[in-house]
Amino acid sequence: MKDNRPVNLDFTTFKLPLPAITSILHRISGGFLFIGLALLLYLLDQSLESAEGFARVTEWLGNPLVKLVTWAVLAALLYHLFAGIKHLVMDLGIGETISGGVLGARLVIAASLVAIVAAGVWIW
């Protein structure tokens, strides 16, 4: 019997639908949050330790690199929040069709972009 199945798949040739991309990004943002929130909790711990610790954290937060990392963690949190809400709405049976999934993915991306830009303006 001749087997015509591909042996090595080239994943760069696949075109994933928008809902699949948003779902993958939801998982990635969750992983990034796991690491990023540890950093933010460390900053919170240092700021609550003493007055000198608070001053040190305030100085660190003036550094553009620390601001960028904080913004990245906040962006991951906002995206993860909106994508999670979309998943909860789909658990209620709303938006389970293909067109509903695409609309939900577009709404997640649009709401996330607006919130991430607003967070960037707030941080900078």
PDB file of N, CA and C in Angstrom:
ATOM      1  N   MET A   1       0.841  -1.165   0.000  1.00  0.00           N
ATOM      2  CA  MET A   1       0.000   0.000   0.000  1.00  0.00           C
ATOM      3  C   MET A   1       0.895   1.239   0.000  1.00  0.00           C
ATOM      4  N   LYS A   2       0.598   2.173  -0.893  1.00  0.00           N
ATOM      5  CA  LYS A   2       1.375   3.398  -0.992  1.00  0.00           C
ATOM      6  C   LYS A   2       0.777   4.458  -0.072  1.00  0.00           C
ATOM      7  N   ASP A   3       1.637   5.070   0.730  1.00  0.00           N
ATOM      8  CA  ASP A   3       1.200   6.089   1.673  1.00  0.00           C
ATOM      9  C   ASP A   3       1.516   7.458   1.086  1.00  0.00           C
ATOM     10  N   ASN A   4       0.488   8.272   0.809  1.00  0.00           N
ATOM     11  CA  ASN A   4       0.671   9.592   0.206  1.00  0.00           C
ATOM     12  C   ASN A   4       0.622  10.725   1.225  1.00  0.00           C
ATOM     13  N   ARG A   5       0.605  10.373   2.504  1.00  0.00           N
ATOM     14  CA  ARG A   5       0.559  11.427   3.515  1.00  0.00           C
ATOM     15  C   ARG A   5       1.904  12.137   3.599  1.00  0.00           C
ATOM     16  N   PRO A   6       1.898  13.427   3.904  1.00  0.00           N
ATOM     17  CA  PRO A   6       3.170  14.155   4.037  1.00  0.00           C
ATOM     18  C   PRO A   6       3.933  13.668   5.267  1.00  0.00           C
ATOM     19  N   VAL A   7       5.240  13.626   5.131  1.00  0.00           N
ATOM     20  CA  VAL A   7       6.081  13.168   6.221  1.00  0.00           C
ATOM     21  C   VAL A   7       6.452  14.346   7.123  1.00  0.00           C
ATOM     22  N   ASN A   8       6.914  15.423   6.540  1.00  0.00           N
ATOM     23  CA  ASN A   8       7.297  16.612   7.292  1.00  0.00           C
ATOM     24  C   ASN A   8       6.412  17.774   6.850  1.00  0.00           C
ATOM     25  N   LEU A   9       5.627  18.263   7.784  1.00  0.00           N
ATOM     26  CA  LEU A   9       4.745  19.376   7.463  1.00  0.00           C
ATOM     27  C   LEU A   9       5.487  20.689   7.640  1.00  0.00           C
ATOM     28  N   ASP A  10       5.301  21.591   6.703  1.00  0.00           N
ATOM     29  CA  ASP A  10       5.874  22.932   6.793  1.00  0.00           C
ATOM     30  C   ASP A  10       4.784  23.852   7.329  1.00  0.00           C
ATOM     31  N   PHE A  11       4.863  24.170   8.635  1.00  0.00           N
ATOM     32  CA  PHE A  11       3.811  24.951   9.282  1.00  0.00           C
ATOM     33  C   PHE A  11       3.757  26.394   8.785  1.00  0.00           C
ATOM     34  N   THR A  12       4.788  26.853   8.107  1.00  0.00           N
ATOM     35  CA  THR A  12       4.763  28.224   7.585  1.00  0.00           C
ATOM     36  C   THR A  12       3.833  28.359   6.380  1.00  0.00           C
ATOM     37  N   THR A  13       3.439  27.249   5.794  1.00  0.00           N
ATOM     38  CA  THR A  13       2.556  27.309   4.627  1.00  0.00           C
ATOM     39  C   THR A  13       1.083  27.281   5.025  1.00  0.00           C
ATOM     40  N   PHE A  14       0.772  27.014   6.289  1.00  0.00           N
ATOM     41  CA  PHE A  14      -0.616  26.980   6.736  1.00  0.00           C
ATOM     42  C   PHE A  14      -1.143  28.392   6.951  1.00  0.00           C
ATOM     43  N   LYS A  15      -2.387  28.626   6.581  1.00  0.00           N
ATOM     44  CA  LYS A  15      -3.039  29.904   6.855  1.00  0.00           C
ATOM     45  C   LYS A  15      -4.103  29.639   7.904  1.00  0.00           C
ATOM     46  N   LEU A  16      -3.793  30.028   9.123  1.00  0.00           N
ATOM     47  CA  LEU A  16      -4.724  29.807  10.218  1.00  0.00           C
ATOM     48  C   LEU A  16      -5.833  30.855  10.193  1.00  0.00           C
ATOM     49  N   PRO A  17      -7.054  30.463  10.551  1.00  0.00           N
ATOM     50  CA  PRO A  17      -8.138  31.447  10.634  1.00  0.00           C
ATOM     51  C   PRO A  17      -7.917  32.377  11.825  1.00  0.00           C
ATOM     52  N   LEU A  18      -8.531  33.545  11.775  1.00  0.00           N
ATOM     53  CA  LEU A  18      -8.365  34.561  12.815  1.00  0.00           C
ATOM     54  C   LEU A  18      -8.724  34.051  14.216  1.00  0.00           C
ATOM     55  N   PRO A  19      -9.815  33.291  14.384  1.00  0.00           N
ATOM     56  CA  PRO A  19     -10.098  32.784  15.735  1.00  0.00           C
ATOM     57  C   PRO A  19      -8.995  31.870  16.276  1.00  0.00           C
ATOM     58  N   ALA A  20      -8.350  31.121  15.410  1.00  0.00           N
ATOM     59  CA  ALA A  20      -7.260  30.259  15.857  1.00  0.00           C
ATOM     60  C   ALA A  20      -6.062  31.086  16.303  1.00  0.00           C
ATOM     61  N   ILE A  21      -5.776  32.149  15.588  1.00  0.00           N
ATOM     62  CA  ILE A  21      -4.652  33.018  15.952  1.00  0.00           C
ATOM     63  C   ILE A  21      -4.916  33.685  17.296  1.00  0.00           C
ATOM     64  N   THR A  22      -6.151  34.177  17.495  1.00  0.00           N
ATOM     65  CA  THR A  22      -6.453  34.817  18.769  1.00  0.00           C
ATOM     66  C   THR A  22      -6.411  33.811  19.917  1.00  0.00           C
ATOM     67  N   SER A  23      -6.797  32.588  19.664  1.00  0.00           N
ATOM     68  CA  SER A  23      -6.742  31.557  20.699  1.00  0.00           C
ATOM     69  C   SER A  23      -5.292  31.218  21.059  1.00  0.00           C
ATOM     70  N   ILE A  24      -4.430  31.126  20.063  1.00  0.00           N
ATOM     71  CA  ILE A  24      -3.013  30.857  20.319  1.00  0.00           C
ATOM     72  C   ILE A  24      -2.387  32.018  21.083  1.00  0.00           C
ATOM     73  N   LEU A  25      -2.724  33.252  20.684  1.00  0.00           N
ATOM     74  CA  LEU A  25      -2.205  34.422  21.392  1.00  0.00           C
ATOM     75  C   LEU A  25      -2.719  34.485  22.827  1.00  0.00           C
ATOM     76  N   HIS A  26      -3.927  33.981  23.066  1.00  0.00           N
ATOM     77  CA  HIS A  26      -4.473  33.931  24.418  1.00  0.00           C
ATOM     78  C   HIS A  26      -3.611  33.015  25.295  1.00  0.00           C
ATOM     79  N   ARG A  27      -3.200  31.895  24.754  1.00  0.00           N
ATOM     80  CA  ARG A  27      -2.342  30.975  25.504  1.00  0.00           C
ATOM     81  C   ARG A  27      -0.956  31.577  25.742  1.00  0.00           C
ATOM     82  N   ILE A  28      -0.416  32.228  24.725  1.00  0.00           N
ATOM     83  CA  ILE A  28       0.910  32.846  24.860  1.00  0.00           C
ATOM     84  C   ILE A  28       0.867  33.972  25.894  1.00  0.00           C
ATOM     85  N   SER A  29      -0.191  34.784  25.848  1.00  0.00           N
ATOM     86  CA  SER A  29      -0.287  35.876  26.822  1.00  0.00           C
ATOM     87  C   SER A  29      -0.424  35.332  28.237  1.00  0.00           C
ATOM     88  N   GLY A  30      -1.088  34.207  28.401  1.00  0.00           N
ATOM     89  CA  GLY A  30      -1.186  33.586  29.719  1.00  0.00           C
ATOM     90  C   GLY A  30       0.171  33.136  30.238  1.00  0.00           C
ATOM     91  N   GLY A  31       0.981  32.565  29.374  1.00  0.00           N
ATOM     92  CA  GLY A  31       2.334  32.170  29.773  1.00  0.00           C
ATOM     93  C   GLY A  31       3.203  33.361  30.113  1.00  0.00           C
ATOM     94  N   PHE A  32       3.083  34.418  29.322  1.00  0.00           N
ATOM     95  CA  PHE A  32       3.849  35.637  29.591  1.00  0.00           C
ATOM     96  C   PHE A  32       3.410  36.274  30.899  1.00  0.00           C
ATOM     97  N   LEU A  33       2.112  36.220  31.188  1.00  0.00           N
ATOM     98  CA  LEU A  33       1.602  36.774  32.442  1.00  0.00           C
ATOM     99  C   LEU A  33       2.158  36.030  33.652  1.00  0.00           C
ATOM    100  N   PHE A  34       2.317  34.730  33.520  1.00  0.00           N
ATOM    101  CA  PHE A  34       2.843  33.927  34.622  1.00  0.00           C
ATOM    102  C   PHE A  34       4.213  34.440  35.049  1.00  0.00           C
ATOM    103  N   ILE A  35       5.035  34.803  34.083  1.00  0.00           N
ATOM    104  CA  ILE A  35       6.378  35.323  34.378  1.00  0.00           C
ATOM    105  C   ILE A  35       6.309  36.812  34.736  1.00  0.00           C
ATOM    106  N   GLY A  36       5.552  37.575  33.971  1.00  0.00           N
ATOM    107  CA  GLY A  36       5.501  39.018  34.170  1.00  0.00           C
ATOM    108  C   GLY A  36       4.892  39.433  35.494  1.00  0.00           C
ATOM    109  N   LEU A  37       3.890  38.709  35.952  1.00  0.00           N
ATOM    110  CA  LEU A  37       3.281  39.070  37.229  1.00  0.00           C
ATOM    111  C   LEU A  37       4.231  38.809  38.388  1.00  0.00           C
ATOM    112  N   ALA A  38       5.128  37.847  38.234  1.00  0.00           N
ATOM    113  CA  ALA A  38       6.142  37.626  39.275  1.00  0.00           C
ATOM    114  C   ALA A  38       7.026  38.868  39.408  1.00  0.00           C
ATOM    115  N   LEU A  39       7.377  39.473  38.290  1.00  0.00           N
ATOM    116  CA  LEU A  39       8.169  40.698  38.324  1.00  0.00           C
ATOM    117  C   LEU A  39       7.399  41.844  38.984  1.00  0.00           C
ATOM    118  N   LEU A  40       6.138  41.997  38.628  1.00  0.00           N
ATOM    119  CA  LEU A  40       5.344  43.064  39.226  1.00  0.00           C
ATOM    120  C   LEU A  40       5.117  42.827  40.721  1.00  0.00           C
ATOM    121  N   LEU A  41       4.956  41.571  41.121  1.00  0.00           N
ATOM    122  CA  LEU A  41       4.814  41.272  42.547  1.00  0.00           C
ATOM    123  C   LEU A  41       6.102  41.568  43.306  1.00  0.00           C
ATOM    124  N   TYR A  42       7.248  41.350  42.657  1.00  0.00           N
ATOM    125  CA  TYR A  42       8.527  41.696  43.274  1.00  0.00           C
ATOM    126  C   TYR A  42       8.618  43.212  43.492  1.00  0.00           C
ATOM    127  N   LEU A  43       8.212  43.978  42.485  1.00  0.00           N
ATOM    128  CA  LEU A  43       8.214  45.435  42.625  1.00  0.00           C
ATOM    129  C   LEU A  43       7.264  45.883  43.736  1.00  0.00           C
ATOM    130  N   LEU A  44       6.113  45.246  43.812  1.00  0.00           N
ATOM    131  CA  LEU A  44       5.170  45.585  44.879  1.00  0.00           C
ATOM    132  C   LEU A  44       5.771  45.266  46.244  1.00  0.00           C
ATOM    133  N   ASP A  45       6.414  44.109  46.369  1.00  0.00           N
ATOM    134  CA  ASP A  45       7.043  43.724  47.628  1.00  0.00           C
ATOM    135  C   ASP A  45       8.116  44.728  48.045  1.00  0.00           C
ATOM    136  N   GLN A  46       8.935  45.129  47.086  1.00  0.00           N
ATOM    137  CA  GLN A  46       9.993  46.096  47.380  1.00  0.00           C
ATOM    138  C   GLN A  46       9.411  47.447  47.789  1.00  0.00           C
ATOM    139  N   SER A  47       8.329  47.848  47.134  1.00  0.00           N
ATOM    140  CA  SER A  47       7.747  49.154  47.446  1.00  0.00           C
ATOM    141  C   SER A  47       7.077  49.169  48.819  1.00  0.00           C
ATOM    142  N   LEU A  48       6.601  48.033  49.281  1.00  0.00           N
ATOM    143  CA  LEU A  48       5.937  47.964  50.580  1.00  0.00           C
ATOM    144  C   LEU A  48       6.888  47.656  51.730  1.00  0.00           C
ATOM    145  N   GLU A  49       8.125  47.330  51.396  1.00  0.00           N
ATOM    146  CA  GLU A  49       9.098  46.945  52.417  1.00  0.00           C
ATOM    147  C   GLU A  49       9.471  48.111  53.334  1.00  0.00           C
ATOM    148  N   SER A  50       9.751  49.267  52.738  1.00  0.00           N
ATOM    149  CA  SER A  50      10.154  50.439  53.515  1.00  0.00           C
ATOM    150  C   SER A  50      10.022  51.677  52.638  1.00  0.00           C
ATOM    151  N   ALA A  51      10.270  52.820  53.262  1.00  0.00           N
ATOM    152  CA  ALA A  51      10.229  54.071  52.500  1.00  0.00           C
ATOM    153  C   ALA A  51      11.347  54.098  51.464  1.00  0.00           C
ATOM    154  N   GLU A  52      12.513  53.537  51.836  1.00  0.00           N
ATOM    155  CA  GLU A  52      13.630  53.485  50.881  1.00  0.00           C
ATOM    156  C   GLU A  52      13.298  52.553  49.713  1.00  0.00           C
ATOM    157  N   GLY A  53      12.616  51.453  50.022  1.00  0.00           N
ATOM    158  CA  GLY A  53      12.210  50.531  48.961  1.00  0.00           C
ATOM    159  C   GLY A  53      11.225  51.179  48.009  1.00  0.00           C
ATOM    160  N   PHE A  54      10.306  51.955  48.555  1.00  0.00           N
ATOM    161  CA  PHE A  54       9.346  52.668  47.717  1.00  0.00           C
ATOM    162  C   PHE A  54      10.053  53.670  46.813  1.00  0.00           C
ATOM    163  N   ALA A  55      11.008  54.381  47.372  1.00  0.00           N
ATOM    164  CA  ALA A  55      11.766  55.352  46.575  1.00  0.00           C
ATOM    165  C   ALA A  55      12.560  54.647  45.482  1.00  0.00           C
ATOM    166  N   ARG A  56      13.120  53.484  45.814  1.00  0.00           N
ATOM    167  CA  ARG A  56      13.895  52.714  44.836  1.00  0.00           C
ATOM    168  C   ARG A  56      13.000  52.245  43.681  1.00  0.00           C
ATOM    169  N   VAL A  57      11.811  51.740  44.015  1.00  0.00           N
ATOM    170  CA  VAL A  57      10.888  51.276  42.973  1.00  0.00           C
ATOM    171  C   VAL A  57      10.403  52.453  42.130  1.00  0.00           C
ATOM    172  N   THR A  58      10.152  53.583  42.763  1.00  0.00           N
ATOM    173  CA  THR A  58       9.744  54.782  42.027  1.00  0.00           C
ATOM    174  C   THR A  58      10.833  55.194  41.039  1.00  0.00           C
ATOM    175  N   GLU A  59      12.078  55.088  41.469  1.00  0.00           N
ATOM    176  CA  GLU A  59      13.197  55.402  40.576  1.00  0.00           C
ATOM    177  C   GLU A  59      13.277  54.400  39.434  1.00  0.00           C
ATOM    178  N   TRP A  60      13.094  53.113  39.747  1.00  0.00           N
ATOM    179  CA  TRP A  60      13.117  52.080  38.702  1.00  0.00           C
ATOM    180  C   TRP A  60      12.018  52.324  37.669  1.00  0.00           C
ATOM    181  N   LEU A  61      10.837  52.709  38.141  1.00  0.00           N
ATOM    182  CA  LEU A  61       9.724  52.917  37.219  1.00  0.00           C
ATOM    183  C   LEU A  61       9.916  54.147  36.338  1.00  0.00           C
ATOM    184  N   GLY A  62      10.890  54.972  36.645  1.00  0.00           N
ATOM    185  CA  GLY A  62      11.233  56.083  35.770  1.00  0.00           C
ATOM    186  C   GLY A  62      12.109  55.647  34.606  1.00  0.00           C
ATOM    187  N   ASN A  63      12.693  54.460  34.702  1.00  0.00           N
ATOM    188  CA  ASN A  63      13.548  53.916  33.649  1.00  0.00           C
ATOM    189  C   ASN A  63      12.671  53.476  32.463  1.00  0.00           C
ATOM    190  N   PRO A  64      13.002  53.915  31.243  1.00  0.00           N
ATOM    191  CA  PRO A  64      12.184  53.541  30.080  1.00  0.00           C
ATOM    192  C   PRO A  64      12.092  52.029  29.845  1.00  0.00           C
ATOM    193  N   LEU A  65      13.152  51.290  30.155  1.00  0.00           N
ATOM    194  CA  LEU A  65      13.100  49.837  29.954  1.00  0.00           C
ATOM    195  C   LEU A  65      12.110  49.191  30.925  1.00  0.00           C
ATOM    196  N   VAL A  66      12.094  49.641  32.170  1.00  0.00           N
ATOM    197  CA  VAL A  66      11.146  49.108  33.148  1.00  0.00           C
ATOM    198  C   VAL A  66       9.721  49.500  32.766  1.00  0.00           C
ATOM    199  N   LYS A  67       9.551  50.720  32.251  1.00  0.00           N
ATOM    200  CA  LYS A  67       8.231  51.136  31.777  1.00  0.00           C
ATOM    201  C   LYS A  67       7.770  50.250  30.630  1.00  0.00           C
ATOM    202  N   LEU A  68       8.682  49.925  29.725  1.00  0.00           N
ATOM    203  CA  LEU A  68       8.344  49.071  28.585  1.00  0.00           C
ATOM    204  C   LEU A  68       7.939  47.678  29.038  1.00  0.00           C
ATOM    205  N   VAL A  69       8.681  47.118  29.990  1.00  0.00           N
ATOM    206  CA  VAL A  69       8.340  45.788  30.504  1.00  0.00           C
ATOM    207  C   VAL A  69       6.996  45.827  31.219  1.00  0.00           C
ATOM    208  N   THR A  70       6.766  46.873  31.998  1.00  0.00           N
ATOM    209  CA  THR A  70       5.486  47.020  32.696  1.00  0.00           C
ATOM    210  C   THR A  70       4.345  47.136  31.696  1.00  0.00           C
ATOM    211  N   TRP A  71       4.561  47.893  30.643  1.00  0.00           N
ATOM    212  CA  TRP A  71       3.544  48.037  29.608  1.00  0.00           C
ATOM    213  C   TRP A  71       3.288  46.705  28.907  1.00  0.00           C
ATOM    214  N   ALA A  72       4.346  45.931  28.654  1.00  0.00           N
ATOM    215  CA  ALA A  72       4.192  44.630  28.002  1.00  0.00           C
ATOM    216  C   ALA A  72       3.376  43.678  28.877  1.00  0.00           C
ATOM    217  N   VAL A  73       3.648  43.682  30.176  1.00  0.00           N
ATOM    218  CA  VAL A  73       2.881  42.818  31.083  1.00  0.00           C
ATOM    219  C   VAL A  73       1.425  43.276  31.131  1.00  0.00           C
ATOM    220  N   LEU A  74       1.207  44.574  31.188  1.00  0.00           N
ATOM    221  CA  LEU A  74      -0.149  45.105  31.196  1.00  0.00           C
ATOM    222  C   LEU A  74      -0.865  44.811  29.875  1.00  0.00           C
ATOM    223  N   ALA A  75      -0.142  44.874  28.770  1.00  0.00           N
ATOM    224  CA  ALA A  75      -0.731  44.542  27.471  1.00  0.00           C
ATOM    225  C   ALA A  75      -1.140  43.074  27.429  1.00  0.00           C
ATOM    226  N   ALA A  76      -0.290  42.204  27.935  1.00  0.00           N
ATOM    227  CA  ALA A  76      -0.631  40.779  27.979  1.00  0.00           C
ATOM    228  C   ALA A  76      -1.854  40.552  28.864  1.00  0.00           C
ATOM    229  N   LEU A  77      -1.914  41.268  29.983  1.00  0.00           N
ATOM    230  CA  LEU A  77      -3.053  41.132  30.884  1.00  0.00           C
ATOM    231  C   LEU A  77      -4.345  41.591  30.208  1.00  0.00           C
ATOM    232  N   LEU A  78      -4.291  42.708  29.519  1.00  0.00           N
ATOM    233  CA  LEU A  78      -5.489  43.227  28.847  1.00  0.00           C
ATOM    234  C   LEU A  78      -5.944  42.303  27.725  1.00  0.00           C
ATOM    235  N   TYR A  79      -5.002  41.816  26.908  1.00  0.00           N
ATOM    236  CA  TYR A  79      -5.372  40.904  25.829  1.00  0.00           C
ATOM    237  C   TYR A  79      -5.965  39.628  26.408  1.00  0.00           C
ATOM    238  N   HIS A  80      -5.316  39.099  27.443  1.00  0.00           N
ATOM    239  CA  HIS A  80      -5.771  37.858  28.057  1.00  0.00           C
ATOM    240  C   HIS A  80      -7.176  38.048  28.647  1.00  0.00           C
ATOM    241  N   LEU A  81      -7.432  39.218  29.211  1.00  0.00           N
ATOM    242  CA  LEU A  81      -8.746  39.518  29.765  1.00  0.00           C
ATOM    243  C   LEU A  81      -9.820  39.497  28.680  1.00  0.00           C
ATOM    244  N   PHE A  82      -9.602  40.221  27.589  1.00  0.00           N
ATOM    245  CA  PHE A  82     -10.603  40.290  26.530  1.00  0.00           C
ATOM    246  C   PHE A  82     -10.802  38.941  25.842  1.00  0.00           C
ATOM    247  N   ALA A  83      -9.719  38.210  25.611  1.00  0.00           N
ATOM    248  CA  ALA A  83      -9.858  36.889  24.995  1.00  0.00           C
ATOM    249  C   ALA A  83     -10.561  35.928  25.948  1.00  0.00           C
ATOM    250  N   GLY A  84     -10.288  36.047  27.229  1.00  0.00           N
ATOM    251  CA  GLY A  84     -10.969  35.208  28.205  1.00  0.00           C
ATOM    252  C   GLY A  84     -12.459  35.494  28.265  1.00  0.00           C
ATOM    253  N   ILE A  85     -12.826  36.772  28.177  1.00  0.00           N
ATOM    254  CA  ILE A  85     -14.249  37.129  28.142  1.00  0.00           C
ATOM    255  C   ILE A  85     -14.906  36.527  26.906  1.00  0.00           C
ATOM    256  N   LYS A  86     -14.187  36.564  25.778  1.00  0.00           N
ATOM    257  CA  LYS A  86     -14.735  35.961  24.554  1.00  0.00           C
ATOM    258  C   LYS A  86     -14.972  34.468  24.746  1.00  0.00           C
ATOM    259  N   HIS A  87     -14.037  33.789  25.399  1.00  0.00           N
ATOM    260  CA  HIS A  87     -14.204  32.356  25.648  1.00  0.00           C
ATOM    261  C   HIS A  87     -15.385  32.096  26.583  1.00  0.00           C
ATOM    262  N   LEU A  88     -15.560  32.942  27.592  1.00  0.00           N
ATOM    263  CA  LEU A  88     -16.701  32.774  28.498  1.00  0.00           C
ATOM    264  C   LEU A  88     -18.028  32.997  27.774  1.00  0.00           C
ATOM    265  N   VAL A  89     -18.065  33.981  26.881  1.00  0.00           N
ATOM    266  CA  VAL A  89     -19.279  34.232  26.100  1.00  0.00           C
ATOM    267  C   VAL A  89     -19.566  33.039  25.192  1.00  0.00           C
ATOM    268  N   MET A  90     -18.514  32.461  24.612  1.00  0.00           N
ATOM    269  CA  MET A  90     -18.718  31.288  23.767  1.00  0.00           C
ATOM    270  C   MET A  90     -19.175  30.087  24.592  1.00  0.00           C
ATOM    271  N   ASP A  91     -18.757  29.998  25.847  1.00  0.00           N
ATOM    272  CA  ASP A  91     -19.234  28.926  26.722  1.00  0.00           C
ATOM    273  C   ASP A  91     -20.729  29.038  26.981  1.00  0.00           C
ATOM    274  N   LEU A  92     -21.273  30.244  26.857  1.00  0.00           N
ATOM    275  CA  LEU A  92     -22.713  30.448  27.007  1.00  0.00           C
ATOM    276  C   LEU A  92     -23.477  30.115  25.728  1.00  0.00           C
ATOM    277  N   GLY A  93     -22.758  29.755  24.665  1.00  0.00           N
ATOM    278  CA  GLY A  93     -23.391  29.377  23.408  1.00  0.00           C
ATOM    279  C   GLY A  93     -23.532  30.518  22.423  1.00  0.00           C
ATOM    280  N   ILE A  94     -22.908  31.646  22.715  1.00  0.00           N
ATOM    281  CA  ILE A  94     -23.001  32.809  21.831  1.00  0.00           C
ATOM    282  C   ILE A  94     -21.737  32.886  20.979  1.00  0.00           C
ATOM    283  N   GLY A  95     -21.893  32.995  19.683  1.00  0.00           N
ATOM    284  CA  GLY A  95     -20.748  33.158  18.799  1.00  0.00           C
ATOM    285  C   GLY A  95     -20.024  31.867  18.486  1.00  0.00           C
ATOM    286  N   GLU A  96     -20.732  30.743  18.480  1.00  0.00           N
ATOM    287  CA  GLU A  96     -20.086  29.459  18.208  1.00  0.00           C
ATOM    288  C   GLU A  96     -20.016  29.130  16.722  1.00  0.00           C
ATOM    289  N   THR A  97     -20.657  29.920  15.882  1.00  0.00           N
ATOM    290  CA  THR A  97     -20.585  29.676  14.447  1.00  0.00           C
ATOM    291  C   THR A  97     -19.262  30.219  13.910  1.00  0.00           C
ATOM    292  N   ILE A  98     -18.976  29.907  12.681  1.00  0.00           N
ATOM    293  CA  ILE A  98     -17.733  30.400  12.070  1.00  0.00           C
ATOM    294  C   ILE A  98     -17.755  31.919  11.987  1.00  0.00           C
ATOM    295  N   SER A  99     -18.865  32.482  11.528  1.00  0.00           N
ATOM    296  CA  SER A  99     -18.938  33.945  11.430  1.00  0.00           C
ATOM    297  C   SER A  99     -18.916  34.584  12.815  1.00  0.00           C
ATOM    298  N   GLY A 100     -19.536  33.959  13.793  1.00  0.00           N
ATOM    299  CA  GLY A 100     -19.502  34.472  15.157  1.00  0.00           C
ATOM    300  C   GLY A 100     -18.100  34.409  15.757  1.00  0.00           C
ATOM    301  N   GLY A 101     -17.367  33.356  15.422  1.00  0.00           N
ATOM    302  CA  GLY A 101     -15.992  33.240  15.902  1.00  0.00           C
ATOM    303  C   GLY A 101     -15.088  34.304  15.312  1.00  0.00           C
ATOM    304  N   VAL A 102     -15.267  34.576  14.025  1.00  0.00           N
ATOM    305  CA  VAL A 102     -14.464  35.618  13.377  1.00  0.00           C
ATOM    306  C   VAL A 102     -14.824  36.993  13.944  1.00  0.00           C
ATOM    307  N   LEU A 103     -16.113  37.253  14.134  1.00  0.00           N
ATOM    308  CA  LEU A 103     -16.533  38.531  14.715  1.00  0.00           C
ATOM    309  C   LEU A 103     -15.986  38.682  16.134  1.00  0.00           C
ATOM    310  N   GLY A 104     -16.061  37.618  16.919  1.00  0.00           N
ATOM    311  CA  GLY A 104     -15.521  37.661  18.280  1.00  0.00           C
ATOM    312  C   GLY A 104     -14.021  37.915  18.291  1.00  0.00           C
ATOM    313  N   ALA A 105     -13.304  37.289  17.374  1.00  0.00           N
ATOM    314  CA  ALA A 105     -11.857  37.495  17.285  1.00  0.00           C
ATOM    315  C   ALA A 105     -11.541  38.939  16.906  1.00  0.00           C
ATOM    316  N   ARG A 106     -12.309  39.490  15.975  1.00  0.00           N
ATOM    317  CA  ARG A 106     -12.092  40.894  15.590  1.00  0.00           C
ATOM    318  C   ARG A 106     -12.381  41.839  16.749  1.00  0.00           C
ATOM    319  N   LEU A 107     -13.432  41.550  17.498  1.00  0.00           N
ATOM    320  CA  LEU A 107     -13.757  42.386  18.654  1.00  0.00           C
ATOM    321  C   LEU A 107     -12.668  42.310  19.722  1.00  0.00           C
ATOM    322  N   VAL A 108     -12.125  41.121  19.936  1.00  0.00           N
ATOM    323  CA  VAL A 108     -11.039  40.955  20.913  1.00  0.00           C
ATOM    324  C   VAL A 108      -9.831  41.782  20.500  1.00  0.00           C
ATOM    325  N   ILE A 109      -9.463  41.700  19.234  1.00  0.00           N
ATOM    326  CA  ILE A 109      -8.295  42.435  18.754  1.00  0.00           C
ATOM    327  C   ILE A 109      -8.538  43.949  18.851  1.00  0.00           C
ATOM    328  N   ALA A 110      -9.716  44.401  18.438  1.00  0.00           N
ATOM    329  CA  ALA A 110     -10.013  45.837  18.472  1.00  0.00           C
ATOM    330  C   ALA A 110     -10.034  46.360  19.907  1.00  0.00           C
ATOM    331  N   ALA A 111     -10.727  45.667  20.794  1.00  0.00           N
ATOM    332  CA  ALA A 111     -10.806  46.120  22.185  1.00  0.00           C
ATOM    333  C   ALA A 111      -9.436  46.079  22.853  1.00  0.00           C
ATOM    334  N   SER A 112      -8.667  45.051  22.540  1.00  0.00           N
ATOM    335  CA  SER A 112      -7.329  44.940  23.121  1.00  0.00           C
ATOM    336  C   SER A 112      -6.421  46.066  22.647  1.00  0.00           C
ATOM    337  N   LEU A 113      -6.473  46.373  21.366  1.00  0.00           N
ATOM    338  CA  LEU A 113      -5.631  47.450  20.844  1.00  0.00           C
ATOM    339  C   LEU A 113      -5.969  48.787  21.494  1.00  0.00           C
ATOM    340  N   VAL A 114      -7.252  49.071  21.621  1.00  0.00           N
ATOM    341  CA  VAL A 114      -7.662  50.337  22.251  1.00  0.00           C
ATOM    342  C   VAL A 114      -7.179  50.375  23.699  1.00  0.00           C
ATOM    343  N   ALA A 115      -7.381  49.292  24.434  1.00  0.00           N
ATOM    344  CA  ALA A 115      -6.990  49.262  25.844  1.00  0.00           C
ATOM    345  C   ALA A 115      -5.473  49.305  26.010  1.00  0.00           C
ATOM    346  N   ILE A 116      -4.743  48.640  25.131  1.00  0.00           N
ATOM    347  CA  ILE A 116      -3.273  48.625  25.228  1.00  0.00           C
ATOM    348  C   ILE A 116      -2.709  50.002  24.917  1.00  0.00           C
ATOM    349  N   VAL A 117      -3.256  50.667  23.913  1.00  0.00           N
ATOM    350  CA  VAL A 117      -2.796  52.027  23.604  1.00  0.00           C
ATOM    351  C   VAL A 117      -3.121  52.964  24.765  1.00  0.00           C
ATOM    352  N   ALA A 118      -4.309  52.836  25.343  1.00  0.00           N
ATOM    353  CA  ALA A 118      -4.677  53.677  26.488  1.00  0.00           C
ATOM    354  C   ALA A 118      -3.748  53.414  27.670  1.00  0.00           C
ATOM    355  N   ALA A 119      -3.395  52.158  27.888  1.00  0.00           N
ATOM    356  CA  ALA A 119      -2.463  51.824  28.973  1.00  0.00           C
ATOM    357  C   ALA A 119      -1.082  52.406  28.702  1.00  0.00           C
ATOM    358  N   GLY A 120      -0.661  52.376  27.442  1.00  0.00           N
ATOM    359  CA  GLY A 120       0.626  52.972  27.084  1.00  0.00           C
ATOM    360  C   GLY A 120       0.655  54.461  27.317  1.00  0.00           C
ATOM    361  N   VAL A 121      -0.434  55.133  26.994  1.00  0.00           N
ATOM    362  CA  VAL A 121      -0.517  56.574  27.247  1.00  0.00           C
ATOM    363  C   VAL A 121      -0.482  56.828  28.747  1.00  0.00           C
ATOM    364  N   TRP A 122      -1.162  55.998  29.525  1.00  0.00           N
ATOM    365  CA  TRP A 122      -1.202  56.161  30.977  1.00  0.00           C
ATOM    366  C   TRP A 122       0.185  55.935  31.601  1.00  0.00           C
ATOM    367  N   ILE A 123       0.911  54.926  31.118  1.00  0.00           N
ATOM    368  CA  ILE A 123       2.233  54.621  31.690  1.00  0.00           C
ATOM    369  C   ILE A 123       3.262  55.647  31.275  1.00  0.00           C
ATOM    370  N   TRP A 124       3.255  56.072  30.013  1.00  0.00           N
ATOM    371  CA  TRP A 124       4.299  56.985  29.545  1.00  0.00           C
ATOM    372  C   TRP A 124       3.920  58.410  29.835  1.00  0.00           C
TER     373      TRP A 124
END
